[in-house]
Amino acid sequence: IAPQFAEFVAHYMSAPSLLNVTKEHSLACGSPPDSSLYCYGEEDVMQAWTRFLDMNNSTDPAKAASCLGSIPGVPGYAEYIIRDNSNDRFPDNVADSPPPSPLAIPFAFVLVPQSWLDESEENIKTILENAVSLSGGTVPPYYAFGGAAASGSDQANSLSQAHRDAGFMLYLIFTADEEANFWGNLFPKMFDISDKTNFPPVFGSNHAGFLLTGPLKEDWTKPCPRELTFEERREKCISFQEAIYGTERLARLEAIKKAVDPQFIFNCVNCVGNNLPEASKSEDDEPSPAEPETPLGNSSDEPSGASFVSSFVAAISATAVYLLSHII
């Protein structure tokens, strides 16, 4: 029943009218990528779930009831997490979920456009069928979008428009075949790529892994070859930053970075400006009073193929076992 429930949640969150659910009720729900759905209110969700099962010729009342339950006496999600997850180190505080770990996902969650989901009910089924499957099963969508997120901004923040316009976020890339399928088949349908000088924002920044890049610069429907070193990927592929913020937003952020921090004192791997060539950062600035030591003797801003790992493939090999045992 898990695949049916995942499809139900996708409809409830992204196409509620198909279940005779109002947008207001839909926005009262949300979910991390853990096969659950948390809502304020219960009756509307139960009725919609029963209606969905009936639409799909599955009317077992026991099956419907087994997937839903109420959490009495809990005013919100944070209070629920505090109640059900003891945290002796920081009592009465919400614990990180998942907790910090040496390695997270190597790529990123795709921001699935709500406008594309609205085009066809079949698009919802298609995107769920293409979700990454690991040892723990298919990675569910992350539902934390909608409502005033699309317009609640003073235009003075770095959040991409794709983040504001997303229906949900979904992990679609892990294997080489999945990556080729995304850039070759899904990406051209989901995003507007008619302007070849303006790459669109695609990924969520809060779940972006260290191996992330966009496709080839010369052909956006081809993935960045995994046998390339990191330096070669930087030269031939859409960058980590551009794949998250898009060409236009990234240019604005880089201009702000140069104006506010011309000596690039505040620098971190994959942050805005970190991948810029040294000459383009600031040619006239005096050197920084104190240059920090570069870890592992690497003088570049970004790990190169020689000093970090020889290639993307080597990095994948080093992390695969860990990821398969730690990711949902």
C-alpha atoms as a PDB file:
ATOM      1  CA  ILE A   1       0.000   0.000   0.000  1.00  0.00           C
ATOM      2  CA  ALA A   2       3.002   2.323   0.384  1.00  0.00           C
ATOM      3  CA  PRO A   3       3.151   3.261  -3.343  1.00  0.00           C
ATOM      4  CA  GLN A   4      -0.574   4.031  -3.307  1.00  0.00           C
ATOM      5  CA  PHE A   5      -0.191   6.228  -0.239  1.00  0.00           C
ATOM      6  CA  ALA A   6       2.732   8.076  -1.842  1.00  0.00           C
ATOM      7  CA  GLU A   7       0.592   8.761  -4.901  1.00  0.00           C
ATOM      8  CA  PHE A   8      -2.266   9.898  -2.684  1.00  0.00           C
ATOM      9  CA  VAL A   9      -0.009  12.330  -0.826  1.00  0.00           C
ATOM     10  CA  ALA A  10       1.271  13.731  -4.125  1.00  0.00           C
ATOM     11  CA  HIS A  11      -2.302  14.352  -5.291  1.00  0.00           C
ATOM     12  CA  TYR A  12      -3.390  15.788  -1.943  1.00  0.00           C
ATOM     13  CA  MET A  13      -0.471  18.226  -1.901  1.00  0.00           C
ATOM     14  CA  SER A  14      -0.091  19.105  -5.597  1.00  0.00           C
ATOM     15  CA  ALA A  15      -3.502  18.431  -7.190  1.00  0.00           C
ATOM     16  CA  PRO A  16      -6.034  18.553  -4.316  1.00  0.00           C
ATOM     17  CA  SER A  17      -8.986  19.396  -6.548  1.00  0.00           C
ATOM     18  CA  LEU A  18      -8.815  15.875  -8.028  1.00  0.00           C
ATOM     19  CA  LEU A  19      -9.764  14.605  -4.564  1.00  0.00           C
ATOM     20  CA  ASN A  20     -12.378  17.340  -3.936  1.00  0.00           C
ATOM     21  CA  VAL A  21      -9.998  18.910  -1.423  1.00  0.00           C
ATOM     22  CA  THR A  22      -9.628  22.668  -1.125  1.00  0.00           C
ATOM     23  CA  LYS A  23      -6.252  24.336  -1.501  1.00  0.00           C
ATOM     24  CA  GLU A  24      -6.616  25.640   2.040  1.00  0.00           C
ATOM     25  CA  HIS A  25      -6.848  22.122   3.446  1.00  0.00           C
ATOM     26  CA  SER A  26      -3.969  20.987   1.266  1.00  0.00           C
ATOM     27  CA  LEU A  27      -1.752  23.774   2.577  1.00  0.00           C
ATOM     28  CA  ALA A  28      -2.487  22.638   6.126  1.00  0.00           C
ATOM     29  CA  CYS A  29      -0.248  19.628   5.453  1.00  0.00           C
ATOM     30  CA  GLY A  30       3.438  19.074   4.895  1.00  0.00           C
ATOM     31  CA  SER A  31       6.028  16.348   5.075  1.00  0.00           C
ATOM     32  CA  PRO A  32       9.759  15.661   5.206  1.00  0.00           C
ATOM     33  CA  PRO A  33      10.940  12.917   2.817  1.00  0.00           C
ATOM     34  CA  ASP A  34       9.986  10.061   5.139  1.00  0.00           C
ATOM     35  CA  SER A  35       6.756   8.565   3.693  1.00  0.00           C
ATOM     36  CA  SER A  36       4.563  10.473   6.133  1.00  0.00           C
ATOM     37  CA  LEU A  37       2.107  13.353   5.973  1.00  0.00           C
ATOM     38  CA  TYR A  38       1.475  15.774   8.822  1.00  0.00           C
ATOM     39  CA  CYS A  39      -1.719  17.831   8.778  1.00  0.00           C
ATOM     40  CA  TYR A  40      -3.741  20.132  10.981  1.00  0.00           C
ATOM     41  CA  GLY A  41      -7.117  18.444  11.064  1.00  0.00           C
ATOM     42  CA  GLU A  42      -8.042  14.831  10.412  1.00  0.00           C
ATOM     43  CA  GLU A  43     -11.490  14.343   8.934  1.00  0.00           C
ATOM     44  CA  ASP A  44     -10.750  15.932   5.548  1.00  0.00           C
ATOM     45  CA  VAL A  45      -7.611  13.822   5.049  1.00  0.00           C
ATOM     46  CA  MET A  46      -9.388  10.578   5.914  1.00  0.00           C
ATOM     47  CA  GLN A  47     -12.232  11.343   3.524  1.00  0.00           C
ATOM     48  CA  ALA A  48      -9.794  12.159   0.741  1.00  0.00           C
ATOM     49  CA  TRP A  49      -7.777   8.986   1.360  1.00  0.00           C
ATOM     50  CA  THR A  50     -10.911   6.860   1.257  1.00  0.00           C
ATOM     51  CA  ARG A  51     -12.007   8.636  -1.923  1.00  0.00           C
ATOM     52  CA  PHE A  52      -8.602   8.011  -3.515  1.00  0.00           C
ATOM     53  CA  LEU A  53      -8.762   4.287  -2.728  1.00  0.00           C
ATOM     54  CA  ASP A  54     -12.255   4.115  -4.174  1.00  0.00           C
ATOM     55  CA  MET A  55     -11.085   5.865  -7.360  1.00  0.00           C
ATOM     56  CA  ASN A  56      -8.385   3.220  -7.674  1.00  0.00           C
ATOM     57  CA  ASN A  57     -10.760   0.284  -7.027  1.00  0.00           C
ATOM     58  CA  SER A  58      -9.479  -0.393  -3.529  1.00  0.00           C
ATOM     59  CA  THR A  59     -12.222   0.063  -0.951  1.00  0.00           C
ATOM     60  CA  ASP A  60     -10.941  -1.971   2.001  1.00  0.00           C
ATOM     61  CA  PRO A  61     -11.904   0.141   5.096  1.00  0.00           C
ATOM     62  CA  ALA A  62      -9.203  -1.499   7.203  1.00  0.00           C
ATOM     63  CA  LYS A  63      -6.579  -0.542   4.656  1.00  0.00           C
ATOM     64  CA  ALA A  64      -7.724   3.059   4.676  1.00  0.00           C
ATOM     65  CA  ALA A  65      -7.750   3.333   8.450  1.00  0.00           C
ATOM     66  CA  SER A  66      -4.356   1.688   8.918  1.00  0.00           C
ATOM     67  CA  CYS A  67      -2.467   4.508   7.211  1.00  0.00           C
ATOM     68  CA  LEU A  68      -3.841   7.449   9.171  1.00  0.00           C
ATOM     69  CA  GLY A  69      -3.996   8.382  12.812  1.00  0.00           C
ATOM     70  CA  SER A  70      -4.369  11.409  15.076  1.00  0.00           C
ATOM     71  CA  ILE A  71      -1.831  12.941  17.467  1.00  0.00           C
ATOM     72  CA  PRO A  72      -3.980  14.430  20.264  1.00  0.00           C
ATOM     73  CA  GLY A  73      -2.712  17.172  22.506  1.00  0.00           C
ATOM     74  CA  VAL A  74       0.123  18.257  20.214  1.00  0.00           C
ATOM     75  CA  PRO A  75      -0.202  21.812  18.843  1.00  0.00           C
ATOM     76  CA  GLY A  76       2.378  21.434  16.077  1.00  0.00           C
ATOM     77  CA  TYR A  77       5.089  19.400  14.359  1.00  0.00           C
ATOM     78  CA  ALA A  78       7.909  20.721  16.560  1.00  0.00           C
ATOM     79  CA  GLU A  79       6.083  19.736  19.732  1.00  0.00           C
ATOM     80  CA  TYR A  80       5.418  16.297  18.275  1.00  0.00           C
ATOM     81  CA  ILE A  81       9.102  15.759  17.513  1.00  0.00           C
ATOM     82  CA  ILE A  82      10.113  16.890  21.016  1.00  0.00           C
ATOM     83  CA  ARG A  83       7.543  14.565  22.571  1.00  0.00           C
ATOM     84  CA  ASP A  84       8.502  11.480  20.585  1.00  0.00           C
ATOM     85  CA  ASN A  85      12.276  11.957  20.344  1.00  0.00           C
ATOM     86  CA  SER A  86      14.146  12.329  23.608  1.00  0.00           C
ATOM     87  CA  ASN A  87      17.055  14.738  23.438  1.00  0.00           C
ATOM     88  CA  ASP A  88      19.032  14.671  26.670  1.00  0.00           C
ATOM     89  CA  ARG A  89      21.728  17.025  25.438  1.00  0.00           C
ATOM     90  CA  PHE A  90      19.285  19.778  24.476  1.00  0.00           C
ATOM     91  CA  PRO A  91      16.024  19.060  26.312  1.00  0.00           C
ATOM     92  CA  ASP A  92      12.864  20.725  24.998  1.00  0.00           C
ATOM     93  CA  ASN A  93      14.550  21.500  21.681  1.00  0.00           C
ATOM     94  CA  VAL A  94      13.823  19.956  18.297  1.00  0.00           C
ATOM     95  CA  ALA A  95      16.535  17.481  17.314  1.00  0.00           C
ATOM     96  CA  ASP A  96      18.073  17.535  13.855  1.00  0.00           C
ATOM     97  CA  SER A  97      16.355  15.008  11.610  1.00  0.00           C
ATOM     98  CA  PRO A  98      18.258  13.412  10.064  1.00  0.00           C
ATOM     99  CA  PRO A  99      21.151  14.058  12.471  1.00  0.00           C
ATOM    100  CA  PRO A 100      24.488  15.451  11.232  1.00  0.00           C
ATOM    101  CA  SER A 101      26.616  12.874   9.446  1.00  0.00           C
ATOM    102  CA  PRO A 102      30.004  12.784   7.683  1.00  0.00           C
ATOM    103  CA  LEU A 103      28.333  12.401   4.295  1.00  0.00           C
ATOM    104  CA  ALA A 104      24.884  13.310   3.086  1.00  0.00           C
ATOM    105  CA  ILE A 105      23.360  12.795  -0.342  1.00  0.00           C
ATOM    106  CA  PRO A 106      25.985  13.330  -3.072  1.00  0.00           C
ATOM    107  CA  PHE A 107      23.675  15.175  -5.472  1.00  0.00           C
ATOM    108  CA  ALA A 108      20.534  17.197  -4.736  1.00  0.00           C
ATOM    109  CA  PHE A 109      16.748  17.248  -4.634  1.00  0.00           C
ATOM    110  CA  VAL A 110      15.099  18.584  -7.788  1.00  0.00           C
ATOM    111  CA  LEU A 111      12.598  21.417  -7.356  1.00  0.00           C
ATOM    112  CA  VAL A 112       9.625  20.006  -9.268  1.00  0.00           C
ATOM    113  CA  PRO A 113       7.653  22.924 -10.791  1.00  0.00           C
ATOM    114  CA  GLN A 114       4.030  23.131  -9.682  1.00  0.00           C
ATOM    115  CA  SER A 115       3.125  24.497 -13.129  1.00  0.00           C
ATOM    116  CA  TRP A 116       4.384  21.274 -14.748  1.00  0.00           C
ATOM    117  CA  LEU A 117       2.428  19.139 -12.279  1.00  0.00           C
ATOM    118  CA  ASP A 118      -0.679  21.177 -13.108  1.00  0.00           C
ATOM    119  CA  GLU A 119      -0.391  20.337 -16.804  1.00  0.00           C
ATOM    120  CA  SER A 120      -1.386  16.697 -16.393  1.00  0.00           C
ATOM    121  CA  GLU A 121      -2.230  14.166 -13.718  1.00  0.00           C
ATOM    122  CA  GLU A 122       0.102  11.832 -15.594  1.00  0.00           C
ATOM    123  CA  ASN A 123       3.029  14.111 -14.736  1.00  0.00           C
ATOM    124  CA  ILE A 124       2.555  13.308 -11.044  1.00  0.00           C
ATOM    125  CA  LYS A 125       2.739   9.583 -11.741  1.00  0.00           C
ATOM    126  CA  THR A 126       5.733  10.044 -14.032  1.00  0.00           C
ATOM    127  CA  ILE A 127       7.793  11.970 -11.511  1.00  0.00           C
ATOM    128  CA  LEU A 128       7.053   9.539  -8.672  1.00  0.00           C
ATOM    129  CA  GLU A 129       8.035   6.603 -10.879  1.00  0.00           C
ATOM    130  CA  ASN A 130      11.415   8.229 -11.470  1.00  0.00           C
ATOM    131  CA  ALA A 131      12.275   8.824  -7.806  1.00  0.00           C
ATOM    132  CA  VAL A 132      15.571   7.346  -6.644  1.00  0.00           C
ATOM    133  CA  SER A 133      15.367   3.907  -5.014  1.00  0.00           C
ATOM    134  CA  LEU A 134      18.019   2.962  -2.452  1.00  0.00           C
ATOM    135  CA  SER A 135      18.347   0.071  -0.021  1.00  0.00           C
ATOM    136  CA  GLY A 136      15.636   1.523   2.214  1.00  0.00           C
ATOM    137  CA  GLY A 137      13.168   1.935  -0.651  1.00  0.00           C
ATOM    138  CA  THR A 138      12.100   4.848  -2.827  1.00  0.00           C
ATOM    139  CA  VAL A 139      13.051   8.270  -1.463  1.00  0.00           C
ATOM    140  CA  PRO A 140       9.724  10.142  -0.978  1.00  0.00           C
ATOM    141  CA  PRO A 141       9.129  13.785  -1.982  1.00  0.00           C
ATOM    142  CA  TYR A 142       9.770  16.651   0.401  1.00  0.00           C
ATOM    143  CA  TYR A 143       6.569  18.712   0.825  1.00  0.00           C
ATOM    144  CA  ALA A 144       7.344  22.153   2.254  1.00  0.00           C
ATOM    145  CA  PHE A 145       6.145  24.440  -0.515  1.00  0.00           C
ATOM    146  CA  GLY A 146       3.082  26.336  -1.691  1.00  0.00           C
ATOM    147  CA  GLY A 147       0.953  29.054  -0.169  1.00  0.00           C
ATOM    148  CA  ALA A 148       2.568  32.466   0.179  1.00  0.00           C
ATOM    149  CA  ALA A 149       6.053  31.053  -0.480  1.00  0.00           C
ATOM    150  CA  ALA A 150       5.707  32.063  -4.126  1.00  0.00           C
ATOM    151  CA  SER A 151       5.158  35.739  -3.337  1.00  0.00           C
ATOM    152  CA  GLY A 152       6.225  36.345   0.272  1.00  0.00           C
ATOM    153  CA  SER A 153       9.524  38.073  -0.486  1.00  0.00           C
ATOM    154  CA  ASP A 154      11.096  41.519  -0.376  1.00  0.00           C
ATOM    155  CA  GLN A 155      13.238  40.567  -3.412  1.00  0.00           C
ATOM    156  CA  ALA A 156      16.371  40.889  -1.259  1.00  0.00           C
ATOM    157  CA  ASN A 157      17.176  37.243  -0.674  1.00  0.00           C
ATOM    158  CA  SER A 158      18.995  34.519  -2.572  1.00  0.00           C
ATOM    159  CA  LEU A 159      16.127  32.028  -2.832  1.00  0.00           C
ATOM    160  CA  SER A 160      15.595  31.018  -6.453  1.00  0.00           C
ATOM    161  CA  GLN A 161      12.246  31.430  -8.182  1.00  0.00           C
ATOM    162  CA  ALA A 162      12.244  27.683  -8.809  1.00  0.00           C
ATOM    163  CA  HIS A 163      12.185  27.168  -5.042  1.00  0.00           C
ATOM    164  CA  ARG A 164       9.198  29.483  -4.703  1.00  0.00           C
ATOM    165  CA  ASP A 165       7.334  27.891  -7.606  1.00  0.00           C
ATOM    166  CA  ALA A 166       7.973  24.255  -6.666  1.00  0.00           C
ATOM    167  CA  GLY A 167       5.215  21.798  -5.874  1.00  0.00           C
ATOM    168  CA  PHE A 168       7.641  19.594  -3.984  1.00  0.00           C
ATOM    169  CA  MET A 169      11.276  18.537  -3.956  1.00  0.00           C
ATOM    170  CA  LEU A 170      12.344  15.042  -5.047  1.00  0.00           C
ATOM    171  CA  TYR A 171      15.575  13.044  -5.246  1.00  0.00           C
ATOM    172  CA  LEU A 172      15.872  12.011  -8.901  1.00  0.00           C
ATOM    173  CA  ILE A 173      19.613  11.477  -9.423  1.00  0.00           C
ATOM    174  CA  PHE A 174      21.960   8.872  -7.978  1.00  0.00           C
ATOM    175  CA  THR A 175      23.102   6.385 -10.632  1.00  0.00           C
ATOM    176  CA  ALA A 176      24.520   7.373 -14.023  1.00  0.00           C
ATOM    177  CA  ASP A 177      21.376   6.065 -15.745  1.00  0.00           C
ATOM    178  CA  GLU A 178      19.146   8.166 -13.474  1.00  0.00           C
ATOM    179  CA  GLU A 179      21.237  11.237 -14.195  1.00  0.00           C
ATOM    180  CA  ALA A 180      21.050  10.650 -17.959  1.00  0.00           C
ATOM    181  CA  ASN A 181      17.302  10.103 -17.721  1.00  0.00           C
ATOM    182  CA  PHE A 182      16.763  13.312 -15.783  1.00  0.00           C
ATOM    183  CA  TRP A 183      18.730  15.638 -18.072  1.00  0.00           C
ATOM    184  CA  GLY A 184      17.684  13.895 -21.276  1.00  0.00           C
ATOM    185  CA  ASN A 185      13.990  13.208 -20.622  1.00  0.00           C
ATOM    186  CA  LEU A 186      12.577  14.952 -17.552  1.00  0.00           C
ATOM    187  CA  PHE A 187      14.482  18.245 -17.413  1.00  0.00           C
ATOM    188  CA  PRO A 188      13.420  19.528 -20.877  1.00  0.00           C
ATOM    189  CA  LYS A 189       9.772  18.865 -20.022  1.00  0.00           C
ATOM    190  CA  MET A 190       9.835  20.346 -16.529  1.00  0.00           C
ATOM    191  CA  PHE A 191      11.848  23.527 -17.165  1.00  0.00           C
ATOM    192  CA  ASP A 192      11.951  26.242 -19.813  1.00  0.00           C
ATOM    193  CA  ILE A 193      15.259  25.848 -21.654  1.00  0.00           C
ATOM    194  CA  SER A 194      14.398  27.896 -24.743  1.00  0.00           C
ATOM    195  CA  ASP A 195      16.919  30.636 -23.836  1.00  0.00           C
ATOM    196  CA  LYS A 196      20.327  28.986 -24.168  1.00  0.00           C
ATOM    197  CA  THR A 197      22.017  31.912 -22.407  1.00  0.00           C
ATOM    198  CA  ASN A 198      19.924  31.550 -19.270  1.00  0.00           C
ATOM    199  CA  PHE A 199      20.170  28.217 -17.447  1.00  0.00           C
ATOM    200  CA  PRO A 200      17.194  27.787 -15.070  1.00  0.00           C
ATOM    201  CA  PRO A 201      17.489  27.056 -11.342  1.00  0.00           C
ATOM    202  CA  VAL A 202      16.839  23.348 -10.826  1.00  0.00           C
ATOM    203  CA  PHE A 203      17.985  22.141  -7.400  1.00  0.00           C
ATOM    204  CA  GLY A 204      17.208  23.064  -3.796  1.00  0.00           C
ATOM    205  CA  SER A 205      20.201  24.616  -2.043  1.00  0.00           C
ATOM    206  CA  ASN A 206      19.448  23.144   1.371  1.00  0.00           C
ATOM    207  CA  HIS A 207      19.848  19.566   0.128  1.00  0.00           C
ATOM    208  CA  ALA A 208      22.697  19.971  -2.346  1.00  0.00           C
ATOM    209  CA  GLY A 209      25.462  17.375  -2.205  1.00  0.00           C
ATOM    210  CA  PHE A 210      29.149  17.892  -2.873  1.00  0.00           C
ATOM    211  CA  LEU A 211      29.139  16.028  -6.221  1.00  0.00           C
ATOM    212  CA  LEU A 212      26.386  18.143  -7.769  1.00  0.00           C
ATOM    213  CA  THR A 213      26.800  19.869 -11.126  1.00  0.00           C
ATOM    214  CA  GLY A 214      24.484  20.732 -13.943  1.00  0.00           C
ATOM    215  CA  PRO A 215      24.646  19.180 -17.438  1.00  0.00           C
ATOM    216  CA  LEU A 216      27.205  19.851 -20.141  1.00  0.00           C
ATOM    217  CA  LYS A 217      27.450  23.531 -21.056  1.00  0.00           C
ATOM    218  CA  GLU A 218      27.290  22.690 -24.763  1.00  0.00           C
ATOM    219  CA  ASP A 219      24.245  20.410 -24.444  1.00  0.00           C
ATOM    220  CA  TRP A 220      21.869  20.760 -21.502  1.00  0.00           C
ATOM    221  CA  THR A 221      20.256  17.399 -22.242  1.00  0.00           C
ATOM    222  CA  LYS A 222      23.516  15.514 -21.580  1.00  0.00           C
ATOM    223  CA  PRO A 223      24.823  14.850 -18.049  1.00  0.00           C
ATOM    224  CA  CYS A 224      28.287  15.936 -17.002  1.00  0.00           C
ATOM    225  CA  PRO A 225      30.485  12.851 -17.667  1.00  0.00           C
ATOM    226  CA  ARG A 226      31.327  11.106 -14.429  1.00  0.00           C
ATOM    227  CA  GLU A 227      34.834  10.151 -15.551  1.00  0.00           C
ATOM    228  CA  LEU A 228      35.924  13.814 -15.605  1.00  0.00           C
ATOM    229  CA  THR A 229      38.047  15.275 -12.838  1.00  0.00           C
ATOM    230  CA  PHE A 230      36.571  18.092 -10.782  1.00  0.00           C
ATOM    231  CA  GLU A 231      38.645  20.630 -12.718  1.00  0.00           C
ATOM    232  CA  GLU A 232      37.346  19.249 -16.033  1.00  0.00           C
ATOM    233  CA  ARG A 233      33.784  19.323 -14.741  1.00  0.00           C
ATOM    234  CA  ARG A 234      34.213  22.958 -13.773  1.00  0.00           C
ATOM    235  CA  GLU A 235      35.376  23.769 -17.297  1.00  0.00           C
ATOM    236  CA  LYS A 236      32.823  21.770 -19.289  1.00  0.00           C
ATOM    237  CA  CYS A 237      29.690  21.581 -17.121  1.00  0.00           C
ATOM    238  CA  ILE A 238      27.131  23.929 -15.590  1.00  0.00           C
ATOM    239  CA  SER A 239      28.432  24.712 -12.114  1.00  0.00           C
ATOM    240  CA  PHE A 240      27.037  23.675  -8.742  1.00  0.00           C
ATOM    241  CA  GLN A 241      26.035  27.299  -8.113  1.00  0.00           C
ATOM    242  CA  GLU A 242      24.384  27.909 -11.482  1.00  0.00           C
ATOM    243  CA  ALA A 243      22.369  24.674 -11.229  1.00  0.00           C
ATOM    244  CA  ILE A 244      20.921  25.950  -7.930  1.00  0.00           C
ATOM    245  CA  TYR A 245      20.429  29.669  -8.536  1.00  0.00           C
ATOM    246  CA  GLY A 246      20.174  29.859 -12.335  1.00  0.00           C
ATOM    247  CA  THR A 247      22.241  32.124 -14.579  1.00  0.00           C
ATOM    248  CA  GLU A 248      20.498  35.430 -13.806  1.00  0.00           C
ATOM    249  CA  ARG A 249      20.216  35.059 -10.028  1.00  0.00           C
ATOM    250  CA  LEU A 250      23.779  33.775  -9.735  1.00  0.00           C
ATOM    251  CA  ALA A 251      25.150  36.770 -11.671  1.00  0.00           C
ATOM    252  CA  ARG A 252      23.389  39.106  -9.243  1.00  0.00           C
ATOM    253  CA  LEU A 253      24.677  37.197  -6.214  1.00  0.00           C
ATOM    254  CA  GLU A 254      28.232  37.177  -7.556  1.00  0.00           C
ATOM    255  CA  ALA A 255      28.087  40.950  -8.127  1.00  0.00           C
ATOM    256  CA  ILE A 256      26.916  41.452  -4.536  1.00  0.00           C
ATOM    257  CA  LYS A 257      29.684  39.138  -3.308  1.00  0.00           C
ATOM    258  CA  LYS A 258      32.365  41.163  -5.124  1.00  0.00           C
ATOM    259  CA  ALA A 259      30.987  44.442  -3.788  1.00  0.00           C
ATOM    260  CA  VAL A 260      30.570  43.367  -0.168  1.00  0.00           C
ATOM    261  CA  ASP A 261      33.577  41.035   0.155  1.00  0.00           C
ATOM    262  CA  PRO A 262      36.035  42.027  -2.617  1.00  0.00           C
ATOM    263  CA  GLN A 263      38.925  40.131  -1.036  1.00  0.00           C
ATOM    264  CA  PHE A 264      36.833  36.974  -0.657  1.00  0.00           C
ATOM    265  CA  ILE A 265      37.617  36.675   3.041  1.00  0.00           C
ATOM    266  CA  PHE A 266      34.406  34.736   3.581  1.00  0.00           C
ATOM    267  CA  ASN A 267      34.869  31.756   1.314  1.00  0.00           C
ATOM    268  CA  CYS A 268      33.636  28.183   1.456  1.00  0.00           C
ATOM    269  CA  VAL A 269      33.405  25.247  -0.919  1.00  0.00           C
ATOM    270  CA  ASN A 270      30.508  25.625  -3.365  1.00  0.00           C
ATOM    271  CA  CYS A 271      29.383  28.963  -1.916  1.00  0.00           C
ATOM    272  CA  VAL A 272      28.573  31.864  -4.250  1.00  0.00           C
ATOM    273  CA  GLY A 273      31.801  33.054  -5.868  1.00  0.00           C
ATOM    274  CA  ASN A 274      33.888  30.129  -4.676  1.00  0.00           C
ATOM    275  CA  ASN A 275      34.203  28.711  -8.191  1.00  0.00           C
ATOM    276  CA  LEU A 276      35.127  32.008  -9.890  1.00  0.00           C
ATOM    277  CA  PRO A 277      38.575  32.226 -11.490  1.00  0.00           C
ATOM    278  CA  GLU A 278      40.965  34.221  -9.324  1.00  0.00           C
ATOM    279  CA  ALA A 279      41.431  36.893 -11.992  1.00  0.00           C
ATOM    280  CA  SER A 280      37.714  37.627 -12.162  1.00  0.00           C
ATOM    281  CA  LYS A 281      37.263  38.100  -8.437  1.00  0.00           C
ATOM    282  CA  SER A 282      39.114  41.373  -7.984  1.00  0.00           C
ATOM    283  CA  GLU A 283      42.220  42.448  -9.877  1.00  0.00           C
ATOM    284  CA  ASP A 284      42.919  45.696  -8.031  1.00  0.00           C
ATOM    285  CA  ASP A 285      42.435  44.656  -4.422  1.00  0.00           C
ATOM    286  CA  GLU A 286      45.301  44.525  -2.005  1.00  0.00           C
ATOM    287  CA  PRO A 287      46.066  41.048  -0.689  1.00  0.00           C
ATOM    288  CA  SER A 288      44.286  40.003   2.459  1.00  0.00           C
ATOM    289  CA  PRO A 289      46.277  40.772   5.660  1.00  0.00           C
ATOM    290  CA  ALA A 290      46.191  37.143   6.679  1.00  0.00           C
ATOM    291  CA  GLU A 291      45.774  34.379   4.160  1.00  0.00           C
ATOM    292  CA  PRO A 292      44.269  31.252   5.778  1.00  0.00           C
ATOM    293  CA  GLU A 293      46.048  27.979   5.263  1.00  0.00           C
ATOM    294  CA  THR A 294      44.493  25.769   2.617  1.00  0.00           C
ATOM    295  CA  PRO A 295      43.654  22.248   3.841  1.00  0.00           C
ATOM    296  CA  LEU A 296      45.540  19.352   2.283  1.00  0.00           C
ATOM    297  CA  GLY A 297      47.946  21.690   0.494  1.00  0.00           C
ATOM    298  CA  ASN A 298      45.466  22.550  -2.230  1.00  0.00           C
ATOM    299  CA  SER A 299      45.907  26.145  -3.419  1.00  0.00           C
ATOM    300  CA  SER A 300      42.698  26.319  -5.448  1.00  0.00           C
ATOM    301  CA  ASP A 301      39.306  27.348  -4.158  1.00  0.00           C
ATOM    302  CA  GLU A 302      37.752  24.066  -5.157  1.00  0.00           C
ATOM    303  CA  PRO A 303      38.999  20.469  -4.892  1.00  0.00           C
ATOM    304  CA  SER A 304      40.940  19.500  -7.987  1.00  0.00           C
ATOM    305  CA  GLY A 305      41.178  16.065  -9.521  1.00  0.00           C
ATOM    306  CA  ALA A 306      44.755  15.668  -8.269  1.00  0.00           C
ATOM    307  CA  SER A 307      44.536  16.734  -4.644  1.00  0.00           C
ATOM    308  CA  PHE A 308      41.025  15.661  -3.680  1.00  0.00           C
ATOM    309  CA  VAL A 309      39.964  12.582  -5.614  1.00  0.00           C
ATOM    310  CA  SER A 310      41.034  11.665  -9.102  1.00  0.00           C
ATOM    311  CA  SER A 311      37.547  11.771 -10.539  1.00  0.00           C
ATOM    312  CA  PHE A 312      33.839  11.895  -9.942  1.00  0.00           C
ATOM    313  CA  VAL A 313      33.781   8.094 -10.228  1.00  0.00           C
ATOM    314  CA  ALA A 314      36.287   7.769  -7.395  1.00  0.00           C
ATOM    315  CA  ALA A 315      34.142   9.952  -5.169  1.00  0.00           C
ATOM    316  CA  ILE A 316      31.051   7.891  -5.943  1.00  0.00           C
ATOM    317  CA  SER A 317      32.921   4.681  -5.119  1.00  0.00           C
ATOM    318  CA  ALA A 318      34.099   6.097  -1.807  1.00  0.00           C
ATOM    319  CA  THR A 319      30.601   7.114  -0.686  1.00  0.00           C
ATOM    320  CA  ALA A 320      28.282   4.467  -2.154  1.00  0.00           C
ATOM    321  CA  VAL A 321      28.424   1.971   0.709  1.00  0.00           C
ATOM    322  CA  TYR A 322      27.913   4.684   3.315  1.00  0.00           C
ATOM    323  CA  LEU A 323      24.936   6.179   1.465  1.00  0.00           C
ATOM    324  CA  LEU A 324      23.181   2.875   0.875  1.00  0.00           C
ATOM    325  CA  SER A 325      23.253   2.160   4.576  1.00  0.00           C
ATOM    326  CA  HIS A 326      22.341   5.637   5.849  1.00  0.00           C
ATOM    327  CA  ILE A 327      19.862   7.191   3.400  1.00  0.00           C
ATOM    328  CA  ILE A 328      16.186   6.363   3.561  1.00  0.00           C
END
